């Protein structure tokens, strides 16, 4: 497809991979990313988001503070990862957050 574009565009066009971790700087950013991920109701997306947040804060430092292997922590929150619930809770706690549960609005599921 690039062959059809004018030569001047092919020479000047540069792209980079989007990395959400580069845009997470404040506690408010972290909260916004977590809330957005939770709204999607997709556990894999939530884990991926927690991984971005952890990388933005320093995965090596978090791993050291939690006494967890750094490479294992990276792998846990990779797209192919499957972290233990305890790991997720510990990382969120380290970031200054906790998991909570609330009932869906107008839920037809009764206990």
PDB file of N, CA and C in Angstrom:
ATOM      1  N   UNK A   1       0.814  -1.187   0.000  1.00  0.00           N
ATOM      2  CA  UNK A   1       0.000   0.000   0.000  1.00  0.00           C
ATOM      3  C   UNK A   1       0.865   1.262   0.000  1.00  0.00           C
ATOM      4  N   UNK A   2       1.995   1.221   0.657  1.00  0.00           N
ATOM      5  CA  UNK A   2       2.857   2.396   0.707  1.00  0.00           C
ATOM      6  C   UNK A   2       3.383   2.796  -0.665  1.00  0.00           C
ATOM      7  N   UNK A   3       3.474   1.851  -1.572  1.00  0.00           N
ATOM      8  CA  UNK A   3       3.985   2.160  -2.906  1.00  0.00           C
ATOM      9  C   UNK A   3       3.086   3.135  -3.643  1.00  0.00           C
ATOM     10  N   UNK A   4       1.816   3.188  -3.282  1.00  0.00           N
ATOM     11  CA  UNK A   4       0.872   4.081  -3.945  1.00  0.00           C
ATOM     12  C   UNK A   4       0.934   5.500  -3.373  1.00  0.00           C
ATOM     13  N   UNK A   5       1.510   5.653  -2.198  1.00  0.00           N
ATOM     14  CA  UNK A   5       1.577   6.957  -1.570  1.00  0.00           C
ATOM     15  C   UNK A   5       2.708   7.769  -2.204  1.00  0.00           C
ATOM     16  N   UNK A   6       2.564   9.091  -2.214  1.00  0.00           N
ATOM     17  CA  UNK A   6       3.653   9.933  -2.735  1.00  0.00           C
ATOM     18  C   UNK A   6       4.955   9.678  -1.966  1.00  0.00           C
ATOM     19  N   UNK A   7       6.046   9.787  -2.654  1.00  0.00           N
ATOM     20  CA  UNK A   7       7.363   9.526  -2.076  1.00  0.00           C
ATOM     21  C   UNK A   7       7.597  10.389  -0.841  1.00  0.00           C
ATOM     22  N   UNK A   8       7.187  11.641  -0.855  1.00  0.00           N
ATOM     23  CA  UNK A   8       7.449  12.520   0.291  1.00  0.00           C
ATOM     24  C   UNK A   8       6.776  12.006   1.560  1.00  0.00           C
ATOM     25  N   UNK A   9       5.650  11.348   1.449  1.00  0.00           N
ATOM     26  CA  UNK A   9       4.977  10.793   2.623  1.00  0.00           C
ATOM     27  C   UNK A   9       5.692   9.556   3.125  1.00  0.00           C
ATOM     28  N   UNK A  10       6.173   8.732   2.236  1.00  0.00           N
ATOM     29  CA  UNK A  10       6.858   7.509   2.649  1.00  0.00           C
ATOM     30  C   UNK A  10       8.137   7.831   3.405  1.00  0.00           C
ATOM     31  N   UNK A  11       8.774   8.909   3.089  1.00  0.00           N
ATOM     32  CA  UNK A  11      10.038   9.263   3.737  1.00  0.00           C
ATOM     33  C   UNK A  11       9.836   9.899   5.106  1.00  0.00           C
ATOM     34  N   UNK A  12       8.738  10.619   5.308  1.00  0.00           N
ATOM     35  CA  UNK A  12       8.559  11.364   6.550  1.00  0.00           C
ATOM     36  C   UNK A  12       7.629  10.690   7.548  1.00  0.00           C
ATOM     37  N   UNK A  13       6.901   9.679   7.134  1.00  0.00           N
ATOM     38  CA  UNK A  13       5.933   9.046   8.015  1.00  0.00           C
ATOM     39  C   UNK A  13       6.636   8.125   9.011  1.00  0.00           C
ATOM     40  N   UNK A  14       6.413   8.385  10.305  1.00  0.00           N
ATOM     41  CA  UNK A  14       6.983   7.557  11.358  1.00  0.00           C
ATOM     42  C   UNK A  14       5.870   7.192  12.326  1.00  0.00           C
ATOM     43  N   UNK A  15       5.902   5.967  12.786  1.00  0.00           N
ATOM     44  CA  UNK A  15       4.914   5.515  13.759  1.00  0.00           C
ATOM     45  C   UNK A  15       5.627   4.901  14.950  1.00  0.00           C
ATOM     46  N   UNK A  16       4.909   4.811  16.045  1.00  0.00           N
ATOM     47  CA  UNK A  16       5.446   4.150  17.227  1.00  0.00           C
ATOM     48  C   UNK A  16       4.317   3.350  17.868  1.00  0.00           C
ATOM     49  N   UNK A  17       4.703   2.403  18.675  1.00  0.00           N
ATOM     50  CA  UNK A  17       3.733   1.569  19.359  1.00  0.00           C
ATOM     51  C   UNK A  17       3.179   2.344  20.547  1.00  0.00           C
ATOM     52  N   UNK A  18       1.848   2.336  20.685  1.00  0.00           N
ATOM     53  CA  UNK A  18       1.194   3.009  21.801  1.00  0.00           C
ATOM     54  C   UNK A  18       1.405   2.196  23.073  1.00  0.00           C
ATOM     55  N   UNK A  19       1.909   2.839  24.082  1.00  0.00           N
ATOM     56  CA  UNK A  19       2.124   2.184  25.371  1.00  0.00           C
ATOM     57  C   UNK A  19       1.410   2.990  26.446  1.00  0.00           C
ATOM     58  N   UNK A  20       0.262   2.500  26.929  1.00  0.00           N
ATOM     59  CA  UNK A  20      -0.495   3.239  27.949  1.00  0.00           C
ATOM     60  C   UNK A  20       0.324   3.568  29.185  1.00  0.00           C
ATOM     61  N   UNK A  21       1.321   2.754  29.516  1.00  0.00           N
ATOM     62  CA  UNK A  21       2.133   2.999  30.709  1.00  0.00           C
ATOM     63  C   UNK A  21       2.823   4.357  30.661  1.00  0.00           C
ATOM     64  N   UNK A  22       3.069   4.857  29.461  1.00  0.00           N
ATOM     65  CA  UNK A  22       3.734   6.150  29.322  1.00  0.00           C
ATOM     66  C   UNK A  22       2.827   7.327  29.699  1.00  0.00           C
ATOM     67  N   UNK A  23       1.531   7.082  29.797  1.00  0.00           N
ATOM     68  CA  UNK A  23       0.580   8.161  30.061  1.00  0.00           C
ATOM     69  C   UNK A  23       0.009   8.117  31.473  1.00  0.00           C
ATOM     70  N   UNK A  24       0.467   7.193  32.278  1.00  0.00           N
ATOM     71  CA  UNK A  24      -0.015   7.066  33.654  1.00  0.00           C
ATOM     72  C   UNK A  24       1.007   7.722  34.568  1.00  0.00           C
ATOM     73  N   UNK A  25       0.678   8.897  35.054  1.00  0.00           N
ATOM     74  CA  UNK A  25       1.643   9.647  35.854  1.00  0.00           C
ATOM     75  C   UNK A  25       1.166   9.938  37.269  1.00  0.00           C
ATOM     76  N   UNK A  26      -0.121  10.161  37.450  1.00  0.00           N
ATOM     77  CA  UNK A  26      -0.633  10.573  38.759  1.00  0.00           C
ATOM     78  C   UNK A  26      -1.565   9.507  39.330  1.00  0.00           C
ATOM     79  N   UNK A  27      -1.880   9.663  40.586  1.00  0.00           N
ATOM     80  CA  UNK A  27      -2.843   8.767  41.250  1.00  0.00           C
ATOM     81  C   UNK A  27      -4.206   8.841  40.547  1.00  0.00           C
ATOM     82  N   UNK A  28      -4.559  10.036  40.086  1.00  0.00           N
ATOM     83  CA  UNK A  28      -5.820  10.207  39.365  1.00  0.00           C
ATOM     84  C   UNK A  28      -5.808   9.449  38.043  1.00  0.00           C
ATOM     85  N   UNK A  29      -4.655   9.423  37.381  1.00  0.00           N
ATOM     86  CA  UNK A  29      -4.513   8.645  36.141  1.00  0.00           C
ATOM     87  C   UNK A  29      -4.721   7.159  36.428  1.00  0.00           C
ATOM     88  N   UNK A  30      -4.115   6.688  37.501  1.00  0.00           N
ATOM     89  CA  UNK A  30      -4.243   5.276  37.872  1.00  0.00           C
ATOM     90  C   UNK A  30      -5.709   4.938  38.117  1.00  0.00           C
ATOM     91  N   UNK A  31      -6.375   5.778  38.878  1.00  0.00           N
ATOM     92  CA  UNK A  31      -7.780   5.550  39.187  1.00  0.00           C
ATOM     93  C   UNK A  31      -8.633   5.563  37.919  1.00  0.00           C
ATOM     94  N   UNK A  32      -8.372   6.490  37.028  1.00  0.00           N
ATOM     95  CA  UNK A  32      -9.130   6.565  35.769  1.00  0.00           C
ATOM     96  C   UNK A  32      -8.914   5.312  34.924  1.00  0.00           C
ATOM     97  N   UNK A  33      -7.679   4.835  34.842  1.00  0.00           N
ATOM     98  CA  UNK A  33      -7.398   3.623  34.076  1.00  0.00           C
ATOM     99  C   UNK A  33      -8.100   2.416  34.699  1.00  0.00           C
ATOM    100  N   UNK A  34      -8.043   2.290  36.030  1.00  0.00           N
ATOM    101  CA  UNK A  34      -8.692   1.170  36.702  1.00  0.00           C
ATOM    102  C   UNK A  34     -10.209   1.217  36.531  1.00  0.00           C
ATOM    103  N   UNK A  35     -10.800   2.388  36.727  1.00  0.00           N
ATOM    104  CA  UNK A  35     -12.253   2.512  36.575  1.00  0.00           C
ATOM    105  C   UNK A  35     -12.682   2.205  35.146  1.00  0.00           C
ATOM    106  N   UNK A  36     -11.927   2.690  34.184  1.00  0.00           N
ATOM    107  CA  UNK A  36     -12.241   2.406  32.785  1.00  0.00           C
ATOM    108  C   UNK A  36     -12.166   0.923  32.481  1.00  0.00           C
ATOM    109  N   UNK A  37     -11.155   0.267  33.018  1.00  0.00           N
ATOM    110  CA  UNK A  37     -10.993  -1.170  32.779  1.00  0.00           C
ATOM    111  C   UNK A  37     -12.125  -1.956  33.442  1.00  0.00           C
ATOM    112  N   UNK A  38     -12.511  -1.546  34.635  1.00  0.00           N
ATOM    113  CA  UNK A  38     -13.601  -2.237  35.325  1.00  0.00           C
ATOM    114  C   UNK A  38     -14.928  -2.065  34.593  1.00  0.00           C
ATOM    115  N   UNK A  39     -15.144  -0.916  33.999  1.00  0.00           N
ATOM    116  CA  UNK A  39     -16.382  -0.681  33.253  1.00  0.00           C
ATOM    117  C   UNK A  39     -16.523  -1.618  32.060  1.00  0.00           C
ATOM    118  N   UNK A  40     -15.418  -2.092  31.539  1.00  0.00           N
ATOM    119  CA  UNK A  40     -15.458  -3.000  30.387  1.00  0.00           C
ATOM    120  C   UNK A  40     -15.938  -4.399  30.776  1.00  0.00           C
ATOM    121  N   UNK A  41     -15.888  -4.711  32.067  1.00  0.00           N
ATOM    122  CA  UNK A  41     -16.321  -6.014  32.569  1.00  0.00           C
ATOM    123  C   UNK A  41     -15.604  -7.164  31.848  1.00  0.00           C
ATOM    124  N   UNK A  42     -14.312  -6.977  31.651  1.00  0.00           N
ATOM    125  CA  UNK A  42     -13.481  -7.961  30.953  1.00  0.00           C
ATOM    126  C   UNK A  42     -12.259  -8.235  31.831  1.00  0.00           C
ATOM    127  N   UNK A  43     -12.217  -9.373  32.511  1.00  0.00           N
ATOM    128  CA  UNK A  43     -11.111  -9.658  33.424  1.00  0.00           C
ATOM    129  C   UNK A  43      -9.734  -9.585  32.774  1.00  0.00           C
ATOM    130  N   UNK A  44      -9.602 -10.054  31.544  1.00  0.00           N
ATOM    131  CA  UNK A  44      -8.299 -10.005  30.862  1.00  0.00           C
ATOM    132  C   UNK A  44      -7.859  -8.561  30.634  1.00  0.00           C
ATOM    133  N   UNK A  45      -8.797  -7.714  30.263  1.00  0.00           N
ATOM    134  CA  UNK A  45      -8.483  -6.302  30.045  1.00  0.00           C
ATOM    135  C   UNK A  45      -8.080  -5.640  31.369  1.00  0.00           C
ATOM    136  N   UNK A  46      -8.765  -5.999  32.443  1.00  0.00           N
ATOM    137  CA  UNK A  46      -8.422  -5.459  33.761  1.00  0.00           C
ATOM    138  C   UNK A  46      -7.000  -5.854  34.152  1.00  0.00           C
ATOM    139  N   UNK A  47      -6.646  -7.125  33.954  1.00  0.00           N
ATOM    140  CA  UNK A  47      -5.294  -7.571  34.287  1.00  0.00           C
ATOM    141  C   UNK A  47      -4.249  -6.868  33.433  1.00  0.00           C
ATOM    142  N   UNK A  48      -4.549  -6.696  32.154  1.00  0.00           N
ATOM    143  CA  UNK A  48      -3.631  -5.979  31.267  1.00  0.00           C
ATOM    144  C   UNK A  48      -3.445  -4.540  31.742  1.00  0.00           C
ATOM    145  N   UNK A  49      -4.534  -3.911  32.161  1.00  0.00           N
ATOM    146  CA  UNK A  49      -4.473  -2.532  32.657  1.00  0.00           C
ATOM    147  C   UNK A  49      -3.641  -2.443  33.934  1.00  0.00           C
ATOM    148  N   UNK A  50      -3.830  -3.386  34.839  1.00  0.00           N
ATOM    149  CA  UNK A  50      -3.021  -3.399  36.067  1.00  0.00           C
ATOM    150  C   UNK A  50      -1.548  -3.547  35.710  1.00  0.00           C
ATOM    151  N   UNK A  51      -1.251  -4.338  34.702  1.00  0.00           N
ATOM    152  CA  UNK A  51       0.128  -4.484  34.235  1.00  0.00           C
ATOM    153  C   UNK A  51       0.693  -3.174  33.718  1.00  0.00           C
ATOM    154  N   UNK A  52      -0.099  -2.428  32.941  1.00  0.00           N
ATOM    155  CA  UNK A  52       0.349  -1.117  32.454  1.00  0.00           C
ATOM    156  C   UNK A  52       0.643  -0.186  33.626  1.00  0.00           C
ATOM    157  N   UNK A  53      -0.248  -0.196  34.592  1.00  0.00           N
ATOM    158  CA  UNK A  53      -0.081   0.679  35.762  1.00  0.00           C
ATOM    159  C   UNK A  53       1.183   0.290  36.529  1.00  0.00           C
ATOM    160  N   UNK A  54       1.372  -1.008  36.730  1.00  0.00           N
ATOM    161  CA  UNK A  54       2.564  -1.466  37.451  1.00  0.00           C
ATOM    162  C   UNK A  54       3.835  -1.072  36.711  1.00  0.00           C
ATOM    163  N   UNK A  55       3.827  -1.207  35.382  1.00  0.00           N
ATOM    164  CA  UNK A  55       5.010  -0.805  34.610  1.00  0.00           C
ATOM    165  C   UNK A  55       5.245   0.689  34.714  1.00  0.00           C
ATOM    166  N   UNK A  56       4.161   1.469  34.759  1.00  0.00           N
ATOM    167  CA  UNK A  56       4.327   2.927  34.840  1.00  0.00           C
ATOM    168  C   UNK A  56       4.945   3.334  36.177  1.00  0.00           C
ATOM    169  N   UNK A  57       4.690   2.551  37.207  1.00  0.00           N
ATOM    170  CA  UNK A  57       5.218   2.858  38.539  1.00  0.00           C
ATOM    171  C   UNK A  57       6.558   2.193  38.803  1.00  0.00           C
ATOM    172  N   UNK A  58       6.944   1.250  37.954  1.00  0.00           N
ATOM    173  CA  UNK A  58       8.219   0.558  38.118  1.00  0.00           C
ATOM    174  C   UNK A  58       8.017  -0.871  38.558  1.00  0.00           C
ATOM    175  N   UNK A  59       7.927  -1.755  37.605  1.00  0.00           N
ATOM    176  CA  UNK A  59       7.672  -3.175  37.886  1.00  0.00           C
ATOM    177  C   UNK A  59       8.762  -3.764  38.772  1.00  0.00           C
ATOM    178  N   UNK A  60      10.001  -3.382  38.537  1.00  0.00           N
ATOM    179  CA  UNK A  60      11.106  -3.913  39.340  1.00  0.00           C
ATOM    180  C   UNK A  60      10.960  -3.495  40.801  1.00  0.00           C
ATOM    181  N   UNK A  61      10.589  -2.245  41.031  1.00  0.00           N
ATOM    182  CA  UNK A  61      10.426  -1.754  42.402  1.00  0.00           C
ATOM    183  C   UNK A  61       9.261  -2.458  43.091  1.00  0.00           C
ATOM    184  N   UNK A  62       8.148  -2.628  42.380  1.00  0.00           N
ATOM    185  CA  UNK A  62       6.993  -3.319  42.959  1.00  0.00           C
ATOM    186  C   UNK A  62       7.365  -4.760  43.294  1.00  0.00           C
ATOM    187  N   UNK A  63       8.035  -5.426  42.374  1.00  0.00           N
ATOM    188  CA  UNK A  63       8.449  -6.812  42.605  1.00  0.00           C
ATOM    189  C   UNK A  63       9.348  -6.907  43.842  1.00  0.00           C
ATOM    190  N   UNK A  64      10.271  -5.970  43.973  1.00  0.00           N
ATOM    191  CA  UNK A  64      11.181  -5.964  45.124  1.00  0.00           C
ATOM    192  C   UNK A  64      10.400  -5.768  46.421  1.00  0.00           C
ATOM    193  N   UNK A  65       9.470  -4.802  46.425  1.00  0.00           N
ATOM    194  CA  UNK A  65       8.691  -4.513  47.626  1.00  0.00           C
ATOM    195  C   UNK A  65       7.774  -5.671  48.018  1.00  0.00           C
ATOM    196  N   UNK A  66       7.312  -6.424  47.017  1.00  0.00           N
ATOM    197  CA  UNK A  66       6.418  -7.552  47.288  1.00  0.00           C
ATOM    198  C   UNK A  66       7.164  -8.880  47.424  1.00  0.00           C
ATOM    199  N   UNK A  67       8.487  -8.823  47.251  1.00  0.00           N
ATOM    200  CA  UNK A  67       9.311 -10.031  47.317  1.00  0.00           C
ATOM    201  C   UNK A  67       8.844 -11.069  46.286  1.00  0.00           C
ATOM    202  N   UNK A  68       8.631 -10.582  45.065  1.00  0.00           N
ATOM    203  CA  UNK A  68       8.205 -11.416  43.939  1.00  0.00           C
ATOM    204  C   UNK A  68       9.250 -11.274  42.844  1.00  0.00           C
ATOM    205  N   UNK A  69       9.485 -12.339  42.098  1.00  0.00           N
ATOM    206  CA  UNK A  69      10.412 -12.304  40.974  1.00  0.00           C
ATOM    207  C   UNK A  69       9.920 -11.316  39.917  1.00  0.00           C
ATOM    208  N   UNK A  70      10.783 -10.390  39.510  1.00  0.00           N
ATOM    209  CA  UNK A  70      10.411  -9.353  38.550  1.00  0.00           C
ATOM    210  C   UNK A  70       9.928  -9.937  37.235  1.00  0.00           C
ATOM    211  N   UNK A  71      10.663 -10.891  36.691  1.00  0.00           N
ATOM    212  CA  UNK A  71      10.267 -11.467  35.402  1.00  0.00           C
ATOM    213  C   UNK A  71       8.945 -12.215  35.523  1.00  0.00           C
ATOM    214  N   UNK A  72       8.724 -12.842  36.673  1.00  0.00           N
ATOM    215  CA  UNK A  72       7.449 -13.518  36.911  1.00  0.00           C
ATOM    216  C   UNK A  72       6.295 -12.542  36.979  1.00  0.00           C
ATOM    217  N   UNK A  73       6.567 -11.373  37.568  1.00  0.00           N
ATOM    218  CA  UNK A  73       5.531 -10.345  37.658  1.00  0.00           C
ATOM    219  C   UNK A  73       5.204  -9.793  36.274  1.00  0.00           C
ATOM    220  N   UNK A  74       6.226  -9.556  35.470  1.00  0.00           N
ATOM    221  CA  UNK A  74       5.995  -9.124  34.086  1.00  0.00           C
ATOM    222  C   UNK A  74       5.148 -10.157  33.348  1.00  0.00           C
ATOM    223  N   UNK A  75       5.526 -11.427  33.487  1.00  0.00           N
ATOM    224  CA  UNK A  75       4.811 -12.488  32.784  1.00  0.00           C
ATOM    225  C   UNK A  75       3.373 -12.591  33.274  1.00  0.00           C
ATOM    226  N   UNK A  76       3.148 -12.433  34.571  1.00  0.00           N
ATOM    227  CA  UNK A  76       1.802 -12.526  35.127  1.00  0.00           C
ATOM    228  C   UNK A  76       0.839 -11.539  34.482  1.00  0.00           C
ATOM    229  N   UNK A  77       1.334 -10.343  34.201  1.00  0.00           N
ATOM    230  CA  UNK A  77       0.463  -9.297  33.662  1.00  0.00           C
ATOM    231  C   UNK A  77       0.636  -9.095  32.158  1.00  0.00           C
ATOM    232  N   UNK A  78       1.301 -10.044  31.514  1.00  0.00           N
ATOM    233  CA  UNK A  78       1.411  -9.997  30.054  1.00  0.00           C
ATOM    234  C   UNK A  78       0.090 -10.488  29.456  1.00  0.00           C
ATOM    235  N   UNK A  79      -0.128 -10.259  28.159  1.00  0.00           N
ATOM    236  CA  UNK A  79      -1.368 -10.734  27.528  1.00  0.00           C
ATOM    237  C   UNK A  79      -1.590 -12.243  27.677  1.00  0.00           C
ATOM    238  N   UNK A  80      -0.514 -13.011  27.796  1.00  0.00           N
ATOM    239  CA  UNK A  80      -0.639 -14.461  27.965  1.00  0.00           C
ATOM    240  C   UNK A  80      -0.586 -14.880  29.428  1.00  0.00           C
ATOM    241  N   UNK A  81      -0.441 -13.913  30.320  1.00  0.00           N
ATOM    242  CA  UNK A  81      -0.302 -14.223  31.736  1.00  0.00           C
ATOM    243  C   UNK A  81      -1.617 -14.597  32.387  1.00  0.00           C
ATOM    244  N   UNK A  82      -1.497 -15.190  33.545  1.00  0.00           N
ATOM    245  CA  UNK A  82      -2.665 -15.580  34.323  1.00  0.00           C
ATOM    246  C   UNK A  82      -2.278 -15.518  35.798  1.00  0.00           C
ATOM    247  N   UNK A  83      -2.218 -14.294  36.356  1.00  0.00           N
ATOM    248  CA  UNK A  83      -1.725 -14.160  37.724  1.00  0.00           C
ATOM    249  C   UNK A  83      -2.693 -14.727  38.751  1.00  0.00           C
ATOM    250  N   UNK A  84      -2.139 -15.160  39.854  1.00  0.00           N
ATOM    251  CA  UNK A  84      -2.964 -15.563  40.981  1.00  0.00           C
ATOM    252  C   UNK A  84      -3.720 -14.341  41.494  1.00  0.00           C
ATOM    253  N   UNK A  85      -4.886 -14.591  42.057  1.00  0.00           N
ATOM    254  CA  UNK A  85      -5.684 -13.501  42.624  1.00  0.00           C
ATOM    255  C   UNK A  85      -4.885 -12.767  43.694  1.00  0.00           C
ATOM    256  N   UNK A  86      -4.146 -13.514  44.498  1.00  0.00           N
ATOM    257  CA  UNK A  86      -3.333 -12.916  45.554  1.00  0.00           C
ATOM    258  C   UNK A  86      -2.309 -11.944  44.980  1.00  0.00           C
ATOM    259  N   UNK A  87      -1.716 -12.280  43.840  1.00  0.00           N
ATOM    260  CA  UNK A  87      -0.751 -11.394  43.193  1.00  0.00           C
ATOM    261  C   UNK A  87      -1.429 -10.097  42.761  1.00  0.00           C
ATOM    262  N   UNK A  88      -2.605 -10.220  42.172  1.00  0.00           N
ATOM    263  CA  UNK A  88      -3.360  -9.035  41.741  1.00  0.00           C
ATOM    264  C   UNK A  88      -3.661  -8.150  42.944  1.00  0.00           C
ATOM    265  N   UNK A  89      -4.149  -8.750  44.021  1.00  0.00           N
ATOM    266  CA  UNK A  89      -4.486  -7.990  45.224  1.00  0.00           C
ATOM    267  C   UNK A  89      -3.262  -7.313  45.819  1.00  0.00           C
ATOM    268  N   UNK A  90      -2.121  -8.026  45.841  1.00  0.00           N
ATOM    269  CA  UNK A  90      -0.890  -7.448  46.391  1.00  0.00           C
ATOM    270  C   UNK A  90      -0.395  -6.269  45.556  1.00  0.00           C
ATOM    271  N   UNK A  91      -0.451  -6.403  44.232  1.00  0.00           N
ATOM    272  CA  UNK A  91       0.000  -5.311  43.355  1.00  0.00           C
ATOM    273  C   UNK A  91      -0.913  -4.103  43.530  1.00  0.00           C
ATOM    274  N   UNK A  92      -2.224  -4.328  43.557  1.00  0.00           N
ATOM    275  CA  UNK A  92      -3.150  -3.207  43.757  1.00  0.00           C
ATOM    276  C   UNK A  92      -2.908  -2.541  45.111  1.00  0.00           C
ATOM    277  N   UNK A  93      -2.674  -3.334  46.140  1.00  0.00           N
ATOM    278  CA  UNK A  93      -2.385  -2.783  47.465  1.00  0.00           C
ATOM    279  C   UNK A  93      -1.112  -1.950  47.427  1.00  0.00           C
ATOM    280  N   UNK A  94      -0.094  -2.450  46.753  1.00  0.00           N
ATOM    281  CA  UNK A  94       1.167  -1.728  46.621  1.00  0.00           C
ATOM    282  C   UNK A  94       0.963  -0.392  45.915  1.00  0.00           C
ATOM    283  N   UNK A  95       0.020  -0.365  44.972  1.00  0.00           N
ATOM    284  CA  UNK A  95      -0.276   0.869  44.231  1.00  0.00           C
ATOM    285  C   UNK A  95      -1.195   1.802  45.022  1.00  0.00           C
ATOM    286  N   UNK A  96      -1.687   1.324  46.163  1.00  0.00           N
ATOM    287  CA  UNK A  96      -2.537   2.149  47.015  1.00  0.00           C
ATOM    288  C   UNK A  96      -4.027   1.974  46.757  1.00  0.00           C
ATOM    289  N   UNK A  97      -4.406   0.806  46.225  1.00  0.00           N
ATOM    290  CA  UNK A  97      -5.810   0.552  45.917  1.00  0.00           C
ATOM    291  C   UNK A  97      -6.234  -0.794  46.483  1.00  0.00           C
ATOM    292  N   UNK A  98      -7.548  -0.986  46.625  1.00  0.00           N
ATOM    293  CA  UNK A  98      -8.095  -2.259  47.058  1.00  0.00           C
ATOM    294  C   UNK A  98      -9.209  -2.659  46.096  1.00  0.00           C
ATOM    295  N   UNK A  99      -9.475  -3.953  46.052  1.00  0.00           N
ATOM    296  CA  UNK A  99     -10.596  -4.447  45.261  1.00  0.00           C
ATOM    297  C   UNK A  99     -11.863  -4.353  46.100  1.00  0.00           C
ATOM    298  N   UNK A 100     -12.947  -3.983  45.467  1.00  0.00           N
ATOM    299  CA  UNK A 100     -14.235  -3.974  46.140  1.00  0.00           C
ATOM    300  C   UNK A 100     -15.260  -4.648  45.232  1.00  0.00           C
ATOM    301  N   UNK A 101     -16.343  -5.059  45.828  1.00  0.00           N
ATOM    302  CA  UNK A 101     -17.424  -5.695  45.076  1.00  0.00           C
ATOM    303  C   UNK A 101     -18.707  -4.939  45.364  1.00  0.00           C
ATOM    304  N   UNK A 102     -19.487  -4.731  44.318  1.00  0.00           N
ATOM    305  CA  UNK A 102     -20.796  -4.105  44.510  1.00  0.00           C
ATOM    306  C   UNK A 102     -21.784  -4.811  43.601  1.00  0.00           C
ATOM    307  N   UNK A 103     -23.027  -4.754  43.983  1.00  0.00           N
ATOM    308  CA  UNK A 103     -24.073  -5.408  43.219  1.00  0.00           C
ATOM    309  C   UNK A 103     -24.399  -4.604  41.970  1.00  0.00           C
ATOM    310  N   UNK A 104     -24.690  -5.312  40.890  1.00  0.00           N
ATOM    311  CA  UNK A 104     -25.117  -4.646  39.668  1.00  0.00           C
ATOM    312  C   UNK A 104     -26.436  -3.932  39.913  1.00  0.00           C
ATOM    313  N   UNK A 105     -26.639  -2.848  39.213  1.00  0.00           N
ATOM    314  CA  UNK A 105     -27.910  -2.145  39.294  1.00  0.00           C
ATOM    315  C   UNK A 105     -28.984  -2.975  38.615  1.00  0.00           C
ATOM    316  N   UNK A 106     -30.149  -3.062  39.218  1.00  0.00           N
ATOM    317  CA  UNK A 106     -31.306  -3.773  38.665  1.00  0.00           C
ATOM    318  C   UNK A 106     -30.954  -5.199  38.276  1.00  0.00           C
ATOM    319  N   UNK A 107     -30.197  -5.864  39.131  1.00  0.00           N
ATOM    320  CA  UNK A 107     -29.784  -7.225  38.851  1.00  0.00           C
ATOM    321  C   UNK A 107     -30.933  -8.193  39.082  1.00  0.00           C
ATOM    322  N   UNK A 108     -31.074  -9.141  38.178  1.00  0.00           N
ATOM    323  CA  UNK A 108     -32.120 -10.162  38.336  1.00  0.00           C
ATOM    324  C   UNK A 108     -31.572 -11.399  38.997  1.00  0.00           C
ATOM    325  N   UNK A 109     -30.274 -11.371  39.370  1.00  0.00           N
ATOM    326  CA  UNK A 109     -29.648 -12.522  40.013  1.00  0.00           C
ATOM    327  C   UNK A 109     -29.827 -12.410  41.526  1.00  0.00           C
ATOM    328  N   UNK A 110     -30.557 -13.320  42.079  1.00  0.00           N
ATOM    329  CA  UNK A 110     -30.765 -13.314  43.514  1.00  0.00           C
ATOM    330  C   UNK A 110     -29.960 -14.433  44.149  1.00  0.00           C
ATOM    331  N   UNK A 111     -29.529 -14.182  45.364  1.00  0.00           N
ATOM    332  CA  UNK A 111     -28.750 -15.183  46.091  1.00  0.00           C
ATOM    333  C   UNK A 111     -29.674 -16.000  46.959  1.00  0.00           C
TER     334      UNK A 111
END
